Amino acid sequence: MKLTQLMKLSNNGLNTLKIALISSCLIAAIPTQVKAASINILNHSFEGPEAPLSRFGEFAIGGGNINHWIASSTTGVFNPSKSDANTTFDAYYNEPVPDGVQVAWSNGGNIFQQLSATLQSNTEYTLGVYVGQRNRSGFVGYNIELLAGNTVIASNNSITPAPGTFSLVNVHYTSSNNDRLIGQSLGIRLSSFGIQTNFDNVTLEATAVPEPLTILGAVTAIGFGTMFKRKVAKDKHKK
């Protein structure tokens, strides 16, 4: 075998080794599947306090009396099914409440909770709240807001539940690497524009979002991996 052929084979081997090393390093940067983490919300389905029998025949309490929430005087908690059994009216709802037995009600007031969790960088947040429209009460609107500190970072009021039902309303926000509100306490605010809006089963999930460089590394690794496979197949064919 000629010297030039030996040198060419040697160089090919070195190049193949380099590609293999680079590919192995970049493949390590490929992001794995990330699961959403639930953020703790106290009294998330408004089961406390237990609603007593009111003078109107309902099992409800007002005056902003909602455990772990800061609420206006025109809000409280309500047990629809227990109230149905104690009154002569038609059912307040045509279906069970989404979680537990009680819901929050608002007659134009606000219901707010500041969470122990803070806004993190490169994270997608999904706030979910069930909004209910009672039978016979009409519906004038509401707002669901996600806050970081005193700043509203996302809101939604676009879904109107049918009378006697609840609908899930989601609020989405994705923070960046240089979000100016990173480290601020997250907060949830529920409000209505008029009477008899109900809320239930408040949840908040956080999912880490891969940084652009990590994604680039994954794409590059796939490219190098493909090239490496072709190189090996080509060398084998030459031999």
C-alpha atoms as a PDB file:
ATOM      1  CA  MET A   1       0.000   0.000   0.000  1.00  0.00           C
ATOM      2  CA  LYS A   2       1.349   3.453  -0.911  1.00  0.00           C
ATOM      3  CA  LEU A   3       2.287   6.017   1.722  1.00  0.00           C
ATOM      4  CA  THR A   4      -0.354   8.476   0.465  1.00  0.00           C
ATOM      5  CA  GLN A   5      -3.071   5.844   0.838  1.00  0.00           C
ATOM      6  CA  LEU A   6      -1.945   5.068   4.377  1.00  0.00           C
ATOM      7  CA  MET A   7      -2.024   8.767   5.284  1.00  0.00           C
ATOM      8  CA  LYS A   8      -5.501   9.115   3.785  1.00  0.00           C
ATOM      9  CA  LEU A   9      -6.819   6.189   5.794  1.00  0.00           C
ATOM     10  CA  SER A  10      -5.232   7.590   8.924  1.00  0.00           C
ATOM     11  CA  ASN A  11      -6.798  10.996   8.383  1.00  0.00           C
ATOM     12  CA  ASN A  12     -10.180   9.386   7.734  1.00  0.00           C
ATOM     13  CA  GLY A  13      -9.876   7.501  11.006  1.00  0.00           C
ATOM     14  CA  LEU A  14      -8.990  10.642  12.921  1.00  0.00           C
ATOM     15  CA  ASN A  15     -11.884  12.579  11.345  1.00  0.00           C
ATOM     16  CA  THR A  16     -14.278   9.755  12.160  1.00  0.00           C
ATOM     17  CA  LEU A  17     -13.042   9.750  15.754  1.00  0.00           C
ATOM     18  CA  LYS A  18     -13.529  13.522  16.011  1.00  0.00           C
ATOM     19  CA  ILE A  19     -17.072  13.249  14.701  1.00  0.00           C
ATOM     20  CA  ALA A  20     -17.834  10.473  17.150  1.00  0.00           C
ATOM     21  CA  LEU A  21     -16.509  12.487  20.090  1.00  0.00           C
ATOM     22  CA  ILE A  22     -18.388  15.637  19.109  1.00  0.00           C
ATOM     23  CA  SER A  23     -21.597  13.675  18.553  1.00  0.00           C
ATOM     24  CA  SER A  24     -21.379  11.990  21.934  1.00  0.00           C
ATOM     25  CA  CYS A  25     -20.906  15.346  23.683  1.00  0.00           C
ATOM     26  CA  LEU A  26     -23.783  16.995  21.873  1.00  0.00           C
ATOM     27  CA  ILE A  27     -26.143  14.066  22.340  1.00  0.00           C
ATOM     28  CA  ALA A  28     -25.672  14.555  26.080  1.00  0.00           C
ATOM     29  CA  ALA A  29     -27.227  18.006  25.601  1.00  0.00           C
ATOM     30  CA  ILE A  30     -30.444  16.643  24.103  1.00  0.00           C
ATOM     31  CA  PRO A  31     -33.279  17.663  26.476  1.00  0.00           C
ATOM     32  CA  THR A  32     -35.239  14.842  28.053  1.00  0.00           C
ATOM     33  CA  GLN A  33     -39.017  14.946  28.340  1.00  0.00           C
ATOM     34  CA  VAL A  34     -39.979  17.346  31.126  1.00  0.00           C
ATOM     35  CA  LYS A  35     -43.073  16.742  33.218  1.00  0.00           C
ATOM     36  CA  ALA A  36     -45.190  19.557  34.614  1.00  0.00           C
ATOM     37  CA  ALA A  37     -44.865  20.220  38.347  1.00  0.00           C
ATOM     38  CA  SER A  38     -47.928  21.235  40.346  1.00  0.00           C
ATOM     39  CA  ILE A  39     -47.581  24.403  42.426  1.00  0.00           C
ATOM     40  CA  ASN A  40     -49.286  24.275  45.806  1.00  0.00           C
ATOM     41  CA  ILE A  41     -52.458  26.345  46.192  1.00  0.00           C
ATOM     42  CA  LEU A  42     -54.066  26.429  49.621  1.00  0.00           C
ATOM     43  CA  ASN A  43     -57.802  25.641  49.737  1.00  0.00           C
ATOM     44  CA  HIS A  44     -57.722  25.249  45.953  1.00  0.00           C
ATOM     45  CA  SER A  45     -61.321  23.978  45.713  1.00  0.00           C
ATOM     46  CA  PHE A  46     -62.810  26.217  48.416  1.00  0.00           C
ATOM     47  CA  GLU A  47     -63.780  23.476  50.848  1.00  0.00           C
ATOM     48  CA  GLY A  48     -63.079  25.723  53.825  1.00  0.00           C
ATOM     49  CA  PRO A  49     -64.800  26.994  55.789  1.00  0.00           C
ATOM     50  CA  GLU A  50     -67.747  24.627  55.641  1.00  0.00           C
ATOM     51  CA  ALA A  51     -70.694  26.655  54.432  1.00  0.00           C
ATOM     52  CA  PRO A  52     -73.486  26.925  57.063  1.00  0.00           C
ATOM     53  CA  LEU A  53     -77.200  27.159  56.422  1.00  0.00           C
ATOM     54  CA  SER A  54     -77.978  30.792  55.615  1.00  0.00           C
ATOM     55  CA  ARG A  55     -81.173  32.748  56.162  1.00  0.00           C
ATOM     56  CA  PHE A  56     -81.958  32.352  52.438  1.00  0.00           C
ATOM     57  CA  GLY A  57     -82.099  28.569  52.734  1.00  0.00           C
ATOM     58  CA  GLU A  58     -78.760  28.064  51.007  1.00  0.00           C
ATOM     59  CA  PHE A  59     -75.629  26.561  52.499  1.00  0.00           C
ATOM     60  CA  ALA A  60     -73.402  29.562  51.939  1.00  0.00           C
ATOM     61  CA  ILE A  61     -71.313  32.140  53.737  1.00  0.00           C
ATOM     62  CA  GLY A  62     -70.202  35.591  52.561  1.00  0.00           C
ATOM     63  CA  GLY A  63     -68.197  38.521  53.819  1.00  0.00           C
ATOM     64  CA  GLY A  64     -65.068  37.319  52.022  1.00  0.00           C
ATOM     65  CA  ASN A  65     -64.855  34.349  54.378  1.00  0.00           C
ATOM     66  CA  ILE A  66     -62.683  31.960  52.303  1.00  0.00           C
ATOM     67  CA  ASN A  67     -59.836  30.137  54.017  1.00  0.00           C
ATOM     68  CA  HIS A  68     -56.334  31.114  52.779  1.00  0.00           C
ATOM     69  CA  TRP A  69     -57.693  33.611  50.251  1.00  0.00           C
ATOM     70  CA  ILE A  70     -57.859  37.400  50.539  1.00  0.00           C
ATOM     71  CA  ALA A  71     -61.367  38.179  49.355  1.00  0.00           C
ATOM     72  CA  SER A  72     -63.775  41.095  49.011  1.00  0.00           C
ATOM     73  CA  SER A  73     -66.846  41.278  51.218  1.00  0.00           C
ATOM     74  CA  THR A  74     -69.012  40.411  48.210  1.00  0.00           C
ATOM     75  CA  THR A  75     -67.547  36.885  47.964  1.00  0.00           C
ATOM     76  CA  GLY A  76     -67.758  33.628  49.911  1.00  0.00           C
ATOM     77  CA  VAL A  77     -68.231  29.867  49.627  1.00  0.00           C
ATOM     78  CA  PHE A  78     -71.304  27.903  48.602  1.00  0.00           C
ATOM     79  CA  ASN A  79     -72.460  24.263  48.575  1.00  0.00           C
ATOM     80  CA  PRO A  80     -74.803  23.889  45.569  1.00  0.00           C
ATOM     81  CA  SER A  81     -75.935  20.277  46.036  1.00  0.00           C
ATOM     82  CA  LYS A  82     -76.655  20.678  49.755  1.00  0.00           C
ATOM     83  CA  SER A  83     -78.556  23.871  48.992  1.00  0.00           C
ATOM     84  CA  ASP A  84     -80.609  22.108  46.303  1.00  0.00           C
ATOM     85  CA  ALA A  85     -81.815  19.597  48.888  1.00  0.00           C
ATOM     86  CA  ASN A  86     -82.920  22.393  51.207  1.00  0.00           C
ATOM     87  CA  THR A  87     -84.768  24.698  48.793  1.00  0.00           C
ATOM     88  CA  THR A  88     -87.734  24.470  46.431  1.00  0.00           C
ATOM     89  CA  PHE A  89     -85.890  26.081  43.531  1.00  0.00           C
ATOM     90  CA  ASP A  90     -84.651  24.232  40.475  1.00  0.00           C
ATOM     91  CA  ALA A  91     -81.124  22.863  40.696  1.00  0.00           C
ATOM     92  CA  TYR A  92     -78.381  25.454  40.846  1.00  0.00           C
ATOM     93  CA  TYR A  93     -76.277  23.216  38.600  1.00  0.00           C
ATOM     94  CA  ASN A  94     -77.082  20.370  36.248  1.00  0.00           C
ATOM     95  CA  GLU A  95     -73.842  18.567  37.150  1.00  0.00           C
ATOM     96  CA  PRO A  96     -71.642  17.994  40.217  1.00  0.00           C
ATOM     97  CA  VAL A  97     -69.082  20.671  41.025  1.00  0.00           C
ATOM     98  CA  PRO A  98     -65.646  19.944  39.506  1.00  0.00           C
ATOM     99  CA  ASP A  99     -63.882  19.159  42.806  1.00  0.00           C
ATOM    100  CA  GLY A 100     -65.154  18.544  46.339  1.00  0.00           C
ATOM    101  CA  VAL A 101     -68.597  19.850  47.280  1.00  0.00           C
ATOM    102  CA  GLN A 102     -68.106  23.609  47.612  1.00  0.00           C
ATOM    103  CA  VAL A 103     -67.293  26.465  45.252  1.00  0.00           C
ATOM    104  CA  ALA A 104     -66.375  30.113  45.685  1.00  0.00           C
ATOM    105  CA  TRP A 105     -68.934  32.725  44.705  1.00  0.00           C
ATOM    106  CA  SER A 106     -68.444  36.342  43.731  1.00  0.00           C
ATOM    107  CA  ASN A 107     -70.956  39.134  43.364  1.00  0.00           C
ATOM    108  CA  GLY A 108     -68.573  41.606  41.746  1.00  0.00           C
ATOM    109  CA  GLY A 109     -65.681  40.992  44.169  1.00  0.00           C
ATOM    110  CA  ASN A 110     -62.087  39.752  44.017  1.00  0.00           C
ATOM    111  CA  ILE A 111     -60.571  36.551  45.427  1.00  0.00           C
ATOM    112  CA  PHE A 112     -56.766  36.591  45.690  1.00  0.00           C
ATOM    113  CA  GLN A 113     -53.986  34.302  46.928  1.00  0.00           C
ATOM    114  CA  GLN A 114     -50.256  34.984  46.952  1.00  0.00           C
ATOM    115  CA  LEU A 115     -48.347  31.735  46.519  1.00  0.00           C
ATOM    116  CA  SER A 116     -45.078  30.632  48.120  1.00  0.00           C
ATOM    117  CA  ALA A 117     -43.695  29.845  44.638  1.00  0.00           C
ATOM    118  CA  THR A 118     -41.838  32.514  42.657  1.00  0.00           C
ATOM    119  CA  LEU A 119     -41.548  33.172  38.934  1.00  0.00           C
ATOM    120  CA  GLN A 120     -38.717  31.095  37.428  1.00  0.00           C
ATOM    121  CA  SER A 121     -36.892  31.664  34.150  1.00  0.00           C
ATOM    122  CA  ASN A 122     -37.606  29.602  31.033  1.00  0.00           C
ATOM    123  CA  THR A 123     -40.793  28.149  32.494  1.00  0.00           C
ATOM    124  CA  GLU A 124     -44.260  27.670  31.049  1.00  0.00           C
ATOM    125  CA  TYR A 125     -47.077  28.245  33.548  1.00  0.00           C
ATOM    126  CA  THR A 126     -50.631  26.968  33.103  1.00  0.00           C
ATOM    127  CA  LEU A 127     -53.275  28.270  35.498  1.00  0.00           C
ATOM    128  CA  GLY A 128     -56.562  26.356  35.373  1.00  0.00           C
ATOM    129  CA  VAL A 129     -59.835  27.446  36.980  1.00  0.00           C
ATOM    130  CA  TYR A 130     -63.347  26.071  36.550  1.00  0.00           C
ATOM    131  CA  VAL A 131     -65.905  28.844  36.103  1.00  0.00           C
ATOM    132  CA  GLY A 132     -69.573  28.133  36.739  1.00  0.00           C
ATOM    133  CA  GLN A 133     -72.795  29.827  35.678  1.00  0.00           C
ATOM    134  CA  ARG A 134     -75.753  29.002  37.904  1.00  0.00           C
ATOM    135  CA  ASN A 135     -79.186  28.343  36.483  1.00  0.00           C
ATOM    136  CA  ARG A 136     -81.491  31.402  36.607  1.00  0.00           C
ATOM    137  CA  SER A 137     -78.748  33.835  37.609  1.00  0.00           C
ATOM    138  CA  GLY A 138     -77.581  35.280  34.315  1.00  0.00           C
ATOM    139  CA  PHE A 139     -73.895  35.813  33.612  1.00  0.00           C
ATOM    140  CA  VAL A 140     -72.110  39.134  33.281  1.00  0.00           C
ATOM    141  CA  GLY A 141     -68.492  38.024  33.048  1.00  0.00           C
ATOM    142  CA  TYR A 142     -65.376  37.376  35.085  1.00  0.00           C
ATOM    143  CA  ASN A 143     -61.591  37.566  34.914  1.00  0.00           C
ATOM    144  CA  ILE A 144     -58.854  35.095  35.879  1.00  0.00           C
ATOM    145  CA  GLU A 145     -55.381  36.557  36.343  1.00  0.00           C
ATOM    146  CA  LEU A 146     -51.891  35.221  37.010  1.00  0.00           C
ATOM    147  CA  LEU A 147     -49.587  37.692  38.735  1.00  0.00           C
ATOM    148  CA  ALA A 148     -45.887  38.013  39.495  1.00  0.00           C
ATOM    149  CA  GLY A 149     -45.566  40.438  42.382  1.00  0.00           C
ATOM    150  CA  ASN A 150     -48.092  43.210  41.669  1.00  0.00           C
ATOM    151  CA  THR A 151     -47.933  42.726  37.898  1.00  0.00           C
ATOM    152  CA  VAL A 152     -50.570  40.829  35.921  1.00  0.00           C
ATOM    153  CA  ILE A 153     -48.594  38.621  33.519  1.00  0.00           C
ATOM    154  CA  ALA A 154     -51.518  36.749  31.930  1.00  0.00           C
ATOM    155  CA  SER A 155     -55.319  36.640  32.078  1.00  0.00           C
ATOM    156  CA  ASN A 156     -58.326  35.042  30.422  1.00  0.00           C
ATOM    157  CA  ASN A 157     -62.076  35.726  30.428  1.00  0.00           C
ATOM    158  CA  SER A 158     -62.954  34.418  26.989  1.00  0.00           C
ATOM    159  CA  ILE A 159     -64.982  31.310  27.871  1.00  0.00           C
ATOM    160  CA  THR A 160     -68.641  31.507  28.903  1.00  0.00           C
ATOM    161  CA  PRO A 161     -70.077  28.369  30.522  1.00  0.00           C
ATOM    162  CA  ALA A 162     -73.625  27.342  29.658  1.00  0.00           C
ATOM    163  CA  PRO A 163     -76.250  27.843  32.392  1.00  0.00           C
ATOM    164  CA  GLY A 164     -76.030  25.129  35.026  1.00  0.00           C
ATOM    165  CA  THR A 165     -72.496  24.062  34.026  1.00  0.00           C
ATOM    166  CA  PHE A 166     -68.809  24.677  34.690  1.00  0.00           C
ATOM    167  CA  SER A 167     -66.120  25.295  32.067  1.00  0.00           C
ATOM    168  CA  LEU A 168     -62.357  25.008  32.452  1.00  0.00           C
ATOM    169  CA  VAL A 169     -60.553  28.266  31.745  1.00  0.00           C
ATOM    170  CA  ASN A 170     -56.775  28.156  31.218  1.00  0.00           C
ATOM    171  CA  VAL A 171     -54.303  31.012  31.516  1.00  0.00           C
ATOM    172  CA  HIS A 172     -50.835  30.566  29.966  1.00  0.00           C
ATOM    173  CA  TYR A 173     -47.552  32.382  30.505  1.00  0.00           C
ATOM    174  CA  THR A 174     -43.999  31.469  29.455  1.00  0.00           C
ATOM    175  CA  SER A 175     -41.113  33.289  31.110  1.00  0.00           C
ATOM    176  CA  SER A 176     -37.838  33.995  29.321  1.00  0.00           C
ATOM    177  CA  ASN A 177     -34.266  33.758  30.541  1.00  0.00           C
ATOM    178  CA  ASN A 178     -34.132  37.512  31.230  1.00  0.00           C
ATOM    179  CA  ASP A 179     -37.713  38.099  32.414  1.00  0.00           C
ATOM    180  CA  ARG A 180     -37.656  41.206  34.611  1.00  0.00           C
ATOM    181  CA  LEU A 181     -40.104  39.630  37.096  1.00  0.00           C
ATOM    182  CA  ILE A 182     -38.032  36.525  37.892  1.00  0.00           C
ATOM    183  CA  GLY A 183     -38.046  35.910  41.650  1.00  0.00           C
ATOM    184  CA  GLN A 184     -41.364  37.708  42.235  1.00  0.00           C
ATOM    185  CA  SER A 185     -44.049  35.793  44.149  1.00  0.00           C
ATOM    186  CA  LEU A 186     -46.747  34.285  41.968  1.00  0.00           C
ATOM    187  CA  GLY A 187     -50.356  35.191  42.672  1.00  0.00           C
ATOM    188  CA  ILE A 188     -53.846  34.229  41.504  1.00  0.00           C
ATOM    189  CA  ARG A 189     -56.787  36.617  41.306  1.00  0.00           C
ATOM    190  CA  LEU A 190     -60.364  35.645  40.480  1.00  0.00           C
ATOM    191  CA  SER A 191     -62.965  38.353  39.933  1.00  0.00           C
ATOM    192  CA  SER A 192     -66.461  38.787  38.565  1.00  0.00           C
ATOM    193  CA  PHE A 193     -68.186  41.724  36.945  1.00  0.00           C
ATOM    194  CA  GLY A 194     -71.558  41.047  38.570  1.00  0.00           C
ATOM    195  CA  ILE A 195     -73.565  38.590  40.628  1.00  0.00           C
ATOM    196  CA  GLN A 196     -73.335  34.839  41.152  1.00  0.00           C
ATOM    197  CA  THR A 197     -70.177  33.788  39.342  1.00  0.00           C
ATOM    198  CA  ASN A 198     -68.723  30.593  40.813  1.00  0.00           C
ATOM    199  CA  PHE A 199     -65.109  29.323  40.784  1.00  0.00           C
ATOM    200  CA  ASP A 200     -63.713  25.892  41.617  1.00  0.00           C
ATOM    201  CA  ASN A 201     -60.648  23.609  41.432  1.00  0.00           C
ATOM    202  CA  VAL A 202     -57.846  26.130  40.924  1.00  0.00           C
ATOM    203  CA  THR A 203     -54.594  24.546  39.707  1.00  0.00           C
ATOM    204  CA  LEU A 204     -51.217  25.879  38.582  1.00  0.00           C
ATOM    205  CA  GLU A 205     -48.579  23.836  36.759  1.00  0.00           C
ATOM    206  CA  ALA A 206     -45.017  24.760  35.796  1.00  0.00           C
ATOM    207  CA  THR A 207     -43.000  23.131  33.018  1.00  0.00           C
ATOM    208  CA  ALA A 208     -39.342  23.916  32.326  1.00  0.00           C
ATOM    209  CA  VAL A 209     -38.678  25.117  28.772  1.00  0.00           C
ATOM    210  CA  PRO A 210     -35.302  24.176  27.173  1.00  0.00           C
ATOM    211  CA  GLU A 211     -33.079  27.150  26.389  1.00  0.00           C
ATOM    212  CA  PRO A 212     -32.417  27.903  22.683  1.00  0.00           C
ATOM    213  CA  LEU A 213     -28.775  26.754  22.921  1.00  0.00           C
ATOM    214  CA  THR A 214     -29.866  23.399  24.312  1.00  0.00           C
ATOM    215  CA  ILE A 215     -32.288  22.958  21.444  1.00  0.00           C
ATOM    216  CA  LEU A 216     -29.545  23.939  18.984  1.00  0.00           C
ATOM    217  CA  GLY A 217     -27.243  21.390  20.568  1.00  0.00           C
ATOM    218  CA  ALA A 218     -29.872  18.694  20.137  1.00  0.00           C
ATOM    219  CA  VAL A 219     -30.387  19.537  16.468  1.00  0.00           C
ATOM    220  CA  THR A 220     -26.632  19.672  15.867  1.00  0.00           C
ATOM    221  CA  ALA A 221     -26.166  16.338  17.620  1.00  0.00           C
ATOM    222  CA  ILE A 222     -28.747  14.725  15.379  1.00  0.00           C
ATOM    223  CA  GLY A 223     -26.977  16.157  12.332  1.00  0.00           C
ATOM    224  CA  PHE A 224     -23.559  14.911  13.463  1.00  0.00           C
ATOM    225  CA  GLY A 225     -25.018  11.525  14.333  1.00  0.00           C
ATOM    226  CA  THR A 226     -26.448  11.147  10.839  1.00  0.00           C
ATOM    227  CA  MET A 227     -23.169  12.245   9.272  1.00  0.00           C
ATOM    228  CA  PHE A 228     -21.214   9.837  11.478  1.00  0.00           C
ATOM    229  CA  LYS A 229     -23.379   6.900  10.393  1.00  0.00           C
ATOM    230  CA  ARG A 230     -22.849   7.777   6.727  1.00  0.00           C
ATOM    231  CA  LYS A 231     -19.107   8.097   7.277  1.00  0.00           C
ATOM    232  CA  VAL A 232     -18.820   4.699   8.909  1.00  0.00           C
ATOM    233  CA  ALA A 233     -20.880   3.083   6.147  1.00  0.00           C
ATOM    234  CA  LYS A 234     -18.720   4.734   3.505  1.00  0.00           C
ATOM    235  CA  ASP A 235     -15.463   3.556   5.140  1.00  0.00           C
ATOM    236  CA  LYS A 236     -16.780   0.016   5.386  1.00  0.00           C
ATOM    237  CA  HIS A 237     -17.708   0.091   1.703  1.00  0.00           C
ATOM    238  CA  LYS A 238     -14.207   1.243   0.729  1.00  0.00           C
ATOM    239  CA  LYS A 239     -12.612  -1.593   2.711  1.00  0.00           C
END
